[in-house]
C-alpha atoms as a PDB file:
ATOM      1  CA  MET A   1      -4.501   1.493  13.572  1.00  0.00           C
ATOM      2  CA  THR A   2      -8.098   0.393  12.893  1.00  0.00           C
ATOM      3  CA  VAL A   3      -8.679   2.939  10.128  1.00  0.00           C
ATOM      4  CA  LEU A   4      -5.314   2.267   8.505  1.00  0.00           C
ATOM      5  CA  LEU A   5      -5.837  -1.501   8.525  1.00  0.00           C
ATOM      6  CA  LEU A   6      -9.323  -1.264   7.012  1.00  0.00           C
ATOM      7  CA  LEU A   7      -8.118   1.208   4.401  1.00  0.00           C
ATOM      8  CA  LEU A   8      -5.206  -1.071   3.516  1.00  0.00           C
ATOM      9  CA  ALA A   9      -7.556  -4.053   3.176  1.00  0.00           C
ATOM     10  CA  HIS A  10      -9.742  -2.070   0.772  1.00  0.00           C
ATOM     11  CA  LEU A  11      -6.795  -0.944  -1.375  1.00  0.00           C
ATOM     12  CA  ILE A  12      -5.317  -4.441  -1.576  1.00  0.00           C
ATOM     13  CA  ALA A  13      -8.637  -5.964  -2.656  1.00  0.00           C
ATOM     14  CA  ASP A  14      -9.523  -3.146  -5.056  1.00  0.00           C
ATOM     15  CA  PHE A  15      -6.143  -2.751  -6.760  1.00  0.00           C
ATOM     16  CA  TRP A  16      -3.648  -5.522  -6.019  1.00  0.00           C
ATOM     17  CA  LEU A  17      -6.087  -8.429  -6.262  1.00  0.00           C
ATOM     18  CA  GLN A  18      -8.119  -7.005  -9.137  1.00  0.00           C
ATOM     19  CA  SER A  19      -6.819  -7.679 -12.649  1.00  0.00           C
ATOM     20  CA  ASP A  20      -7.268  -5.374 -15.661  1.00  0.00           C
ATOM     21  CA  GLN A  21      -9.790  -7.821 -17.099  1.00  0.00           C
ATOM     22  CA  MET A  22     -11.856  -7.588 -13.920  1.00  0.00           C
ATOM     23  CA  VAL A  23     -11.785  -3.797 -14.143  1.00  0.00           C
ATOM     24  CA  LYS A  24     -13.007  -3.809 -17.764  1.00  0.00           C
ATOM     25  CA  ASN A  25     -15.919  -6.136 -17.018  1.00  0.00           C
ATOM     26  CA  LYS A  26     -16.560  -5.683 -13.321  1.00  0.00           C
ATOM     27  CA  LEU A  27     -20.130  -7.005 -13.411  1.00  0.00           C
ATOM     28  CA  LYS A  28     -18.978 -10.301 -14.921  1.00  0.00           C
ATOM     29  CA  HIS A  29     -16.260 -10.714 -12.273  1.00  0.00           C
ATOM     30  CA  LEU A  30     -18.279  -9.202  -9.416  1.00  0.00           C
ATOM     31  CA  LYS A  31     -18.308 -12.447  -7.407  1.00  0.00           C
ATOM     32  CA  LYS A  32     -14.526 -12.759  -7.586  1.00  0.00           C
ATOM     33  CA  HIS A  33     -14.130  -9.073  -6.718  1.00  0.00           C
ATOM     34  CA  LEU A  34     -16.487  -9.470  -3.745  1.00  0.00           C
ATOM     35  CA  PHE A  35     -14.575 -12.561  -2.592  1.00  0.00           C
ATOM     36  CA  HIS A  36     -11.343 -10.519  -2.495  1.00  0.00           C
ATOM     37  CA  HIS A  37     -12.999  -7.982  -0.212  1.00  0.00           C
ATOM     38  CA  LEU A  38     -14.528 -10.709   1.937  1.00  0.00           C
ATOM     39  CA  LEU A  39     -11.066 -12.207   2.379  1.00  0.00           C
ATOM     40  CA  THR A  40      -9.044  -9.056   3.097  1.00  0.00           C
ATOM     41  CA  THR A  41     -11.700  -7.352   5.222  1.00  0.00           C
ATOM     42  CA  GLY A  42     -12.306 -10.559   7.188  1.00  0.00           C
ATOM     43  CA  ILE A  43      -8.609 -10.990   7.960  1.00  0.00           C
ATOM     44  CA  VAL A  44      -8.218  -7.371   9.062  1.00  0.00           C
ATOM     45  CA  LEU A  45     -11.343  -7.384  11.242  1.00  0.00           C
ATOM     46  CA  ALA A  46     -10.194 -10.641  12.840  1.00  0.00           C
ATOM     47  CA  VAL A  47      -6.848  -9.008  13.682  1.00  0.00           C
ATOM     48  CA  ILE A  48      -8.579  -5.931  15.153  1.00  0.00           C
ATOM     49  CA  TRP A  49     -11.075  -8.058  17.075  1.00  0.00           C
ATOM     50  CA  GLY A  50      -8.364 -10.258  18.562  1.00  0.00           C
ATOM     51  CA  HIS A  51      -5.805  -7.532  19.280  1.00  0.00           C
ATOM     52  CA  GLN A  52      -8.078  -4.863  20.732  1.00  0.00           C
ATOM     53  CA  TYR A  53     -11.018  -6.856  22.126  1.00  0.00           C
ATOM     54  CA  GLU A  54      -9.458 -10.257  22.882  1.00  0.00           C
ATOM     55  CA  PHE A  55     -12.014 -12.113  20.727  1.00  0.00           C
ATOM     56  CA  GLN A  56     -14.960 -10.985  22.850  1.00  0.00           C
ATOM     57  CA  HIS A  57     -18.396  -9.782  21.623  1.00  0.00           C
ATOM     58  CA  ILE A  58     -18.027 -11.314  18.172  1.00  0.00           C
ATOM     59  CA  ILE A  59     -21.335  -9.944  16.899  1.00  0.00           C
ATOM     60  CA  TYR A  60     -20.606  -6.281  17.619  1.00  0.00           C
ATOM     61  CA  TYR A  61     -16.889  -6.181  16.909  1.00  0.00           C
ATOM     62  CA  PHE A  62     -16.695  -8.591  13.975  1.00  0.00           C
ATOM     63  CA  ILE A  63     -19.942  -9.699  12.328  1.00  0.00           C
ATOM     64  CA  LEU A  64     -21.755  -6.349  12.234  1.00  0.00           C
ATOM     65  CA  PRO A  65     -18.831  -4.248  10.901  1.00  0.00           C
ATOM     66  CA  TYR A  66     -18.001  -7.070   8.471  1.00  0.00           C
ATOM     67  CA  ALA A  67     -21.545  -7.088   7.082  1.00  0.00           C
ATOM     68  CA  PHE A  68     -21.727  -3.284   6.996  1.00  0.00           C
ATOM     69  CA  ILE A  69     -18.498  -2.916   4.954  1.00  0.00           C
ATOM     70  CA  ILE A  70     -19.342  -5.688   2.479  1.00  0.00           C
ATOM     71  CA  ILE A  71     -22.951  -4.595   1.892  1.00  0.00           C
ATOM     72  CA  THR A  72     -22.095  -0.912   1.443  1.00  0.00           C
ATOM     73  CA  HIS A  73     -19.173  -1.820  -0.823  1.00  0.00           C
ATOM     74  CA  LEU A  74     -21.446  -3.964  -2.974  1.00  0.00           C
ATOM     75  CA  LEU A  75     -24.084  -1.237  -3.221  1.00  0.00           C
ATOM     76  CA  ILE A  76     -21.504   1.406  -4.172  1.00  0.00           C
ATOM     77  CA  ASP A  77     -19.944  -0.840  -6.809  1.00  0.00           C
ATOM     78  CA  LEU A  78     -23.282  -1.810  -8.362  1.00  0.00           C
ATOM     79  CA  SER A  79     -24.314   1.853  -8.541  1.00  0.00           C
ATOM     80  CA  LYS A  80     -21.007   2.792 -10.155  1.00  0.00           C
ATOM     81  CA  ILE A  81     -21.258  -0.014 -12.725  1.00  0.00           C
ATOM     82  CA  LYS A  82     -24.788   1.055 -13.659  1.00  0.00           C
ATOM     83  CA  ILE A  83     -23.800   4.714 -14.020  1.00  0.00           C
ATOM     84  CA  VAL A  84     -20.566   4.054 -15.959  1.00  0.00           C
ATOM     85  CA  ASP A  85     -22.314   1.673 -18.371  1.00  0.00           C
ATOM     86  CA  SER A  86     -24.868   4.391 -19.123  1.00  0.00           C
ATOM     87  CA  ILE A  87     -22.202   6.860 -20.277  1.00  0.00           C
ATOM     88  CA  PRO A  88     -22.418   7.281 -24.063  1.00  0.00           C
ATOM     89  CA  LYS A  89     -19.253   6.957 -26.069  1.00  0.00           C
ATOM     90  CA  GLY A  90     -17.677  10.350 -26.644  1.00  0.00           C
ATOM     91  CA  THR A  91     -14.592  12.489 -26.251  1.00  0.00           C
ATOM     92  CA  THR A  92     -15.334  13.338 -22.609  1.00  0.00           C
ATOM     93  CA  ASP A  93     -15.987   9.786 -21.494  1.00  0.00           C
ATOM     94  CA  ASN A  94     -12.684   9.318 -19.730  1.00  0.00           C
ATOM     95  CA  MET A  95     -12.983  12.481 -17.636  1.00  0.00           C
ATOM     96  CA  LYS A  96     -16.442  11.369 -16.521  1.00  0.00           C
ATOM     97  CA  ARG A  97     -15.069   7.938 -15.717  1.00  0.00           C
ATOM     98  CA  LEU A  98     -12.267   9.584 -13.722  1.00  0.00           C
ATOM     99  CA  GLY A  99     -14.851  11.535 -11.726  1.00  0.00           C
ATOM    100  CA  TYR A 100     -16.849   8.389 -10.999  1.00  0.00           C
ATOM    101  CA  PHE A 101     -13.652   6.513 -10.085  1.00  0.00           C
ATOM    102  CA  LEU A 102     -12.647   9.190  -7.548  1.00  0.00           C
ATOM    103  CA  LEU A 103     -16.200   9.422  -6.172  1.00  0.00           C
ATOM    104  CA  ASP A 104     -16.293   5.632  -5.824  1.00  0.00           C
ATOM    105  CA  GLN A 105     -13.081   5.601  -3.787  1.00  0.00           C
ATOM    106  CA  VAL A 106     -14.187   8.544  -1.609  1.00  0.00           C
ATOM    107  CA  LEU A 107     -17.463   6.773  -0.787  1.00  0.00           C
ATOM    108  CA  HIS A 108     -15.599   3.605   0.181  1.00  0.00           C
ATOM    109  CA  VAL A 109     -13.341   5.601   2.519  1.00  0.00           C
ATOM    110  CA  ILE A 110     -16.396   7.297   4.057  1.00  0.00           C
ATOM    111  CA  MET A 111     -17.959   3.879   4.701  1.00  0.00           C
ATOM    112  CA  ILE A 112     -14.746   2.732   6.409  1.00  0.00           C
ATOM    113  CA  LEU A 113     -14.807   5.822   8.648  1.00  0.00           C
ATOM    114  CA  LEU A 114     -18.493   5.226   9.446  1.00  0.00           C
ATOM    115  CA  THR A 115     -17.660   1.638  10.372  1.00  0.00           C
ATOM    116  CA  CYS A 116     -15.100   2.862  12.904  1.00  0.00           C
ATOM    117  CA  ILE A 117     -17.578   5.368  14.363  1.00  0.00           C
ATOM    118  CA  LEU A 118     -20.573   3.001  14.526  1.00  0.00           C
ATOM    119  CA  PHE A 119     -18.986  -0.244  15.680  1.00  0.00           C
ATOM    120  CA  PHE A 120     -15.732   0.680  17.363  1.00  0.00           C
ATOM    121  CA  PRO A 121     -15.274   3.157  20.245  1.00  0.00           C
ATOM    122  CA  MET A 122     -14.006   5.903  17.973  1.00  0.00           C
ATOM    123  CA  LYS A 123     -15.366   9.429  17.768  1.00  0.00           C
ATOM    124  CA  ALA A 124     -15.054  11.858  14.891  1.00  0.00           C
ATOM    125  CA  THR A 125     -12.950  14.208  17.028  1.00  0.00           C
ATOM    126  CA  LYS A 126     -10.620  11.359  17.956  1.00  0.00           C
ATOM    127  CA  MET A 127     -10.278  10.380  14.292  1.00  0.00           C
ATOM    128  CA  ALA A 128      -9.480  13.982  13.370  1.00  0.00           C
ATOM    129  CA  ALA A 129      -6.812  14.038  16.062  1.00  0.00           C
ATOM    130  CA  ASP A 130      -5.402  10.770  14.707  1.00  0.00           C
ATOM    131  CA  LEU A 131      -5.277  12.335  11.255  1.00  0.00           C
ATOM    132  CA  LEU A 132      -3.234  15.239  12.605  1.00  0.00           C
ATOM    133  CA  ASP A 133      -1.080  12.712  14.404  1.00  0.00           C
ATOM    134  CA  LEU A 134      -0.615  10.874  11.103  1.00  0.00           C
ATOM    135  CA  TYR A 135       0.673  14.060   9.517  1.00  0.00           C
ATOM    136  CA  GLY A 136       3.476  14.355  11.971  1.00  0.00           C
ATOM    137  CA  ILE A 137       2.296  16.637  14.767  1.00  0.00           C
ATOM    138  CA  SER A 138       3.330  13.827  17.089  1.00  0.00           C
ATOM    139  CA  SER A 139       5.328  10.738  16.327  1.00  0.00           C
ATOM    140  CA  LEU A 140       3.652   7.639  14.931  1.00  0.00           C
ATOM    141  CA  SER A 141       4.299   4.173  16.226  1.00  0.00           C
ATOM    142  CA  PRO A 142       6.543   2.020  13.997  1.00  0.00           C
ATOM    143  CA  PHE A 143       3.584  -0.203  13.091  1.00  0.00           C
ATOM    144  CA  ASN A 144       1.350   2.704  12.051  1.00  0.00           C
ATOM    145  CA  THR A 145       4.236   4.259  10.125  1.00  0.00           C
ATOM    146  CA  ALA A 146       4.729   0.992   8.242  1.00  0.00           C
ATOM    147  CA  LEU A 147       1.000   0.823   7.447  1.00  0.00           C
ATOM    148  CA  SER A 148       1.057   4.426   6.217  1.00  0.00           C
ATOM    149  CA  MET A 149       4.034   3.751   3.929  1.00  0.00           C
ATOM    150  CA  ILE A 150       2.347   0.690   2.397  1.00  0.00           C
ATOM    151  CA  ILE A 151      -0.805   2.735   1.749  1.00  0.00           C
ATOM    152  CA  ILE A 152       1.267   5.518   0.163  1.00  0.00           C
ATOM    153  CA  TYR A 153       3.007   2.928  -2.020  1.00  0.00           C
ATOM    154  CA  ILE A 154      -0.325   1.577  -3.313  1.00  0.00           C
ATOM    155  CA  LEU A 155      -1.594   5.117  -3.918  1.00  0.00           C
ATOM    156  CA  ALA A 156       1.595   6.012  -5.812  1.00  0.00           C
ATOM    157  CA  THR A 157       1.534   2.944  -8.039  1.00  0.00           C
ATOM    158  CA  SER A 158      -1.817   1.302  -8.744  1.00  0.00           C
ATOM    159  CA  VAL A 159      -4.205   4.106  -7.742  1.00  0.00           C
ATOM    160  CA  SER A 160      -2.223   6.904  -9.409  1.00  0.00           C
ATOM    161  CA  GLY A 161      -1.748   4.687 -12.456  1.00  0.00           C
ATOM    162  CA  HIS A 162      -5.525   4.455 -12.874  1.00  0.00           C
ATOM    163  CA  ILE A 163      -5.906   8.221 -12.464  1.00  0.00           C
ATOM    164  CA  VAL A 164      -3.240   8.986 -15.097  1.00  0.00           C
ATOM    165  CA  LYS A 165      -4.767   6.419 -17.445  1.00  0.00           C
ATOM    166  CA  TYR A 166      -8.155   8.093 -17.180  1.00  0.00           C
ATOM    167  CA  ILE A 167      -6.647  11.550 -17.774  1.00  0.00           C
ATOM    168  CA  ILE A 168      -4.742  10.626 -20.954  1.00  0.00           C
ATOM    169  CA  GLY A 169      -7.069   7.850 -22.095  1.00  0.00           C
ATOM    170  CA  SER A 170      -9.119  10.089 -24.390  1.00  0.00           C
ATOM    171  CA  LEU A 171      -6.190  10.430 -26.785  1.00  0.00           C
ATOM    172  CA  PRO A 172      -5.580   7.768 -29.472  1.00  0.00           C
ATOM    173  CA  SER A 173      -3.720   4.861 -27.924  1.00  0.00           C
ATOM    174  CA  GLU A 174      -1.351   4.511 -30.857  1.00  0.00           C
ATOM    175  CA  PHE A 175       0.357   7.787 -29.921  1.00  0.00           C
ATOM    176  CA  ALA A 176       1.855   5.976 -26.975  1.00  0.00           C
ATOM    177  CA  ASN A 177       3.803   3.806 -29.416  1.00  0.00           C
ATOM    178  CA  PHE A 178       4.577   6.391 -32.119  1.00  0.00           C
ATOM    179  CA  GLU A 179       8.174   6.204 -33.307  1.00  0.00           C
ATOM    180  CA  GLY A 180       8.449   8.670 -36.175  1.00  0.00           C
ATOM    181  CA  GLU A 181       7.462   9.699 -39.695  1.00  0.00           C
ATOM    182  CA  LEU A 182       9.188   8.473 -42.837  1.00  0.00           C
ATOM    183  CA  THR A 183       8.859  10.309 -46.166  1.00  0.00           C
ATOM    184  CA  LEU A 184       9.815   8.757 -49.505  1.00  0.00           C
ATOM    185  CA  ARG A 185       9.988  10.681 -52.760  1.00  0.00           C
ATOM    186  CA  ASN A 186       9.972   9.006 -56.135  1.00  0.00           C
ATOM    187  CA  GLN A 187      10.621  11.037 -59.298  1.00  0.00           C
ATOM    188  CA  MET A 188       9.208   9.539 -62.497  1.00  0.00           C
ATOM    189  CA  ASN A 189       9.500  10.599 -66.142  1.00  0.00           C
ATOM    190  CA  ASN A 190       6.647  10.255 -68.597  1.00  0.00           C
ATOM    191  CA  VAL A 191       7.247   8.097 -71.663  1.00  0.00           C
ATOM    192  CA  LYS A 192       7.281  10.188 -74.827  1.00  0.00           C
ATOM    193  CA  GLU A 193       4.634   9.206 -77.326  1.00  0.00           C
ATOM    194  CA  LYS A 194       5.082   9.303 -81.081  1.00  0.00           C
ATOM    195  CA  ASN A 195       4.046  12.441 -82.950  1.00  0.00           C
ATOM    196  CA  GLN A 196       4.197  14.442 -79.759  1.00  0.00           C
ATOM    197  CA  PRO A 197       6.292  17.590 -79.388  1.00  0.00           C
ATOM    198  CA  LYS A 198       9.574  17.157 -77.594  1.00  0.00           C
ATOM    199  CA  THR A 199       8.729  18.235 -74.062  1.00  0.00           C
ATOM    200  CA  GLU A 200      10.123  17.057 -70.799  1.00  0.00           C
ATOM    201  CA  SER A 201       7.427  15.891 -68.449  1.00  0.00           C
ATOM    202  CA  ASN A 202       8.063  14.484 -65.015  1.00  0.00           C
ATOM    203  CA  PHE A 203       6.387  14.400 -61.659  1.00  0.00           C
ATOM    204  CA  THR A 204       7.270  13.481 -58.107  1.00  0.00           C
ATOM    205  CA  GLU A 205       5.349  11.130 -55.869  1.00  0.00           C
ATOM    206  CA  GLU A 206       5.662  11.561 -52.136  1.00  0.00           C
ATOM    207  CA  TYR A 207       4.716   8.895 -49.610  1.00  0.00           C
ATOM    208  CA  HIS A 208       4.331   9.409 -45.870  1.00  0.00           C
ATOM    209  CA  TYR A 209       4.652   6.501 -43.485  1.00  0.00           C
ATOM    210  CA  PHE A 210       4.129   6.489 -39.736  1.00  0.00           C
ATOM    211  CA  THR A 211       6.178   3.960 -37.835  1.00  0.00           C
ATOM    212  CA  TYR A 212       5.088   2.490 -34.536  1.00  0.00           C
ATOM    213  CA  SER A 213       6.841   0.383 -31.984  1.00  0.00           C
ATOM    214  CA  THR A 214       5.413  -2.784 -30.484  1.00  0.00           C
ATOM    215  CA  PRO A 215       3.014  -1.846 -27.663  1.00  0.00           C
ATOM    216  CA  LEU A 216       4.747  -2.271 -24.315  1.00  0.00           C
ATOM    217  CA  ARG A 217       2.130  -1.030 -21.912  1.00  0.00           C
ATOM    218  CA  SER A 218       3.513  -2.998 -18.988  1.00  0.00           C
ATOM    219  CA  ARG A 219       6.886  -1.268 -19.463  1.00  0.00           C
ATOM    220  CA  GLY A 220       5.210   2.156 -19.584  1.00  0.00           C
ATOM    221  CA  LYS A 221       3.246   1.331 -16.440  1.00  0.00           C
ATOM    222  CA  LEU A 222       6.466   0.348 -14.650  1.00  0.00           C
ATOM    223  CA  ILE A 223       8.153   3.590 -15.751  1.00  0.00           C
ATOM    224  CA  GLY A 224       5.218   5.537 -14.315  1.00  0.00           C
ATOM    225  CA  TYR A 225       5.450   3.670 -11.018  1.00  0.00           C
ATOM    226  CA  ILE A 226       9.191   4.329 -10.683  1.00  0.00           C
ATOM    227  CA  GLU A 227       8.747   7.959 -11.715  1.00  0.00           C
ATOM    228  CA  ARG A 228       6.165   8.679  -9.015  1.00  0.00           C
ATOM    229  CA  LEU A 229       8.118   6.800  -6.339  1.00  0.00           C
ATOM    230  CA  LEU A 230      11.247   8.802  -7.179  1.00  0.00           C
ATOM    231  CA  VAL A 231       9.270  12.059  -7.021  1.00  0.00           C
ATOM    232  CA  ILE A 232       7.871  11.038  -3.611  1.00  0.00           C
ATOM    233  CA  ILE A 233      11.360  10.294  -2.261  1.00  0.00           C
ATOM    234  CA  LEU A 234      12.837  13.532  -3.657  1.00  0.00           C
ATOM    235  CA  THR A 235       9.917  15.574  -2.286  1.00  0.00           C
ATOM    236  CA  ALA A 236      10.121  13.907   1.126  1.00  0.00           C
ATOM    237  CA  ILE A 237      13.803  14.843   1.487  1.00  0.00           C
ATOM    238  CA  GLY A 238      13.260  18.323   0.026  1.00  0.00           C
ATOM    239  CA  ALA A 239      15.288  17.777  -3.176  1.00  0.00           C
ATOM    240  CA  TYR A 240      12.742  19.497  -5.412  1.00  0.00           C
ATOM    241  CA  GLN A 241      15.307  20.572  -8.020  1.00  0.00           C
ATOM    242  CA  SER A 242      16.177  16.949  -8.764  1.00  0.00           C
ATOM    243  CA  ILE A 243      12.643  16.307 -10.032  1.00  0.00           C
ATOM    244  CA  ALA A 244      13.574  18.268 -13.161  1.00  0.00           C
ATOM    245  CA  PHE A 245      16.108  15.548 -14.044  1.00  0.00           C
ATOM    246  CA  ILE A 246      13.299  12.975 -14.210  1.00  0.00           C
ATOM    247  CA  ILE A 247      11.398  15.091 -16.718  1.00  0.00           C
ATOM    248  CA  ALA A 248      14.599  15.694 -18.694  1.00  0.00           C
ATOM    249  CA  ALA A 249      15.424  11.981 -18.788  1.00  0.00           C
ATOM    250  CA  LYS A 250      11.944  11.123 -20.109  1.00  0.00           C
ATOM    251  CA  SER A 251      12.166  13.874 -22.722  1.00  0.00           C
ATOM    252  CA  ILE A 252      15.542  12.639 -23.987  1.00  0.00           C
ATOM    253  CA  ALA A 253      14.274   9.065 -24.219  1.00  0.00           C
ATOM    254  CA  ARG A 254      11.267  10.228 -26.261  1.00  0.00           C
ATOM    255  CA  PHE A 255      13.051  12.926 -28.258  1.00  0.00           C
ATOM    256  CA  LYS A 256      12.017  11.665 -31.725  1.00  0.00           C
ATOM    257  CA  GLN A 257       8.364  11.280 -30.800  1.00  0.00           C
ATOM    258  CA  LEU A 258       8.182  14.894 -29.597  1.00  0.00           C
ATOM    259  CA  ASP A 259       8.261  16.020 -33.244  1.00  0.00           C
ATOM    260  CA  ASP A 260       4.627  14.969 -33.467  1.00  0.00           C
ATOM    261  CA  ARG A 261       2.437  17.564 -31.771  1.00  0.00           C
ATOM    262  CA  ASN A 262      -0.334  15.151 -30.798  1.00  0.00           C
ATOM    263  CA  TRP A 263       2.107  12.751 -29.196  1.00  0.00           C
ATOM    264  CA  ALA A 264       3.945  15.625 -27.492  1.00  0.00           C
ATOM    265  CA  GLU A 265       0.692  16.781 -25.890  1.00  0.00           C
ATOM    266  CA  TYR A 266      -0.068  13.207 -24.836  1.00  0.00           C
ATOM    267  CA  PHE A 267       3.423  12.908 -23.310  1.00  0.00           C
ATOM    268  CA  LEU A 268       3.205  16.270 -21.521  1.00  0.00           C
ATOM    269  CA  LEU A 269      -0.250  15.569 -20.085  1.00  0.00           C
ATOM    270  CA  GLY A 270       0.755  12.164 -18.765  1.00  0.00           C
ATOM    271  CA  THR A 271       4.069  13.380 -17.329  1.00  0.00           C
ATOM    272  CA  LEU A 272       2.621  16.436 -15.588  1.00  0.00           C
ATOM    273  CA  SER A 273      -0.243  14.385 -14.120  1.00  0.00           C
ATOM    274  CA  SER A 274       2.174  11.760 -12.818  1.00  0.00           C
ATOM    275  CA  ILE A 275       4.578  14.350 -11.374  1.00  0.00           C
ATOM    276  CA  PHE A 276       1.724  16.228  -9.686  1.00  0.00           C
ATOM    277  CA  LEU A 277       0.432  13.068  -7.978  1.00  0.00           C
ATOM    278  CA  GLY A 278       3.959  12.203  -6.891  1.00  0.00           C
ATOM    279  CA  LEU A 279       4.436  15.675  -5.403  1.00  0.00           C
ATOM    280  CA  VAL A 280       1.174  15.504  -3.434  1.00  0.00           C
ATOM    281  CA  LEU A 281       1.992  12.081  -2.009  1.00  0.00           C
ATOM    282  CA  GLY A 282       5.588  13.202  -1.358  1.00  0.00           C
ATOM    283  CA  LEU A 283       4.347  16.081   0.787  1.00  0.00           C
ATOM    284  CA  VAL A 284       2.212  13.621   2.777  1.00  0.00           C
ATOM    285  CA  VAL A 285       5.241  11.382   3.342  1.00  0.00           C
ATOM    286  CA  GLN A 286       7.287  14.442   4.299  1.00  0.00           C
ATOM    287  CA  GLY A 287       4.696  15.321   6.945  1.00  0.00           C
ATOM    288  CA  ILE A 288       4.728  11.779   8.332  1.00  0.00           C
ATOM    289  CA  ILE A 289       8.475  11.315   8.648  1.00  0.00           C
ATOM    290  CA  MET A 290       9.516  14.837   9.607  1.00  0.00           C
END
């Protein structure tokens, strides 16, 4: 329970309470971001301290782990900001940013595990056994199952959304709103001049226009969330064949845009990344509930 609660507190502060503007300029909003972690981590540690230790030994079971999590989180975030800001603009920027994003989250999880080992009576072997227990070797309590499902939900929506955005972010953003190509042809005849031989002269002008829809990024984000949640549910119940209908439905809805090769590649990369993340999380859910 301790690990799951601390992990949930981190995810809520890092993804649910952090706006897109805070993500773009994290150094500017660092105080607000730190306050979110102070709030969520403080509430969770208070619950653990009261439930497991009956509000005794406040320094060891509350203040020290509280300070350890906040200080290490701050150091990790400052290091990440410094490294990301040093990345020169280029075509591979987003893949580097994805790597730093994943490394950042892994380090935060490691710090949470270290907190449990250093300040709570938890051993690495016990935590490994709990991990096996989480994956369904033995039944979870209803409370731990509920915590696990909330964590999976955040991973499937906000966290996976960031990963997909980093993967496809290197492509031009306007492809996401590409509607189609319109070609107009205009045939014109030259005016005959005096004292010129009688010849027919004409030419054709051809104009190409690209039409774009109004950007609806929030709608696309919601579609991605629903897509991954559906894949998780279908994977958890073993209905793997039904996942193909999701891909087919998206392809039909974007049929016109698929004529453009660049947009088609953008669409395929985003869809496959989203489906893959949904499958991985679906297998985890399958292990928990089976």
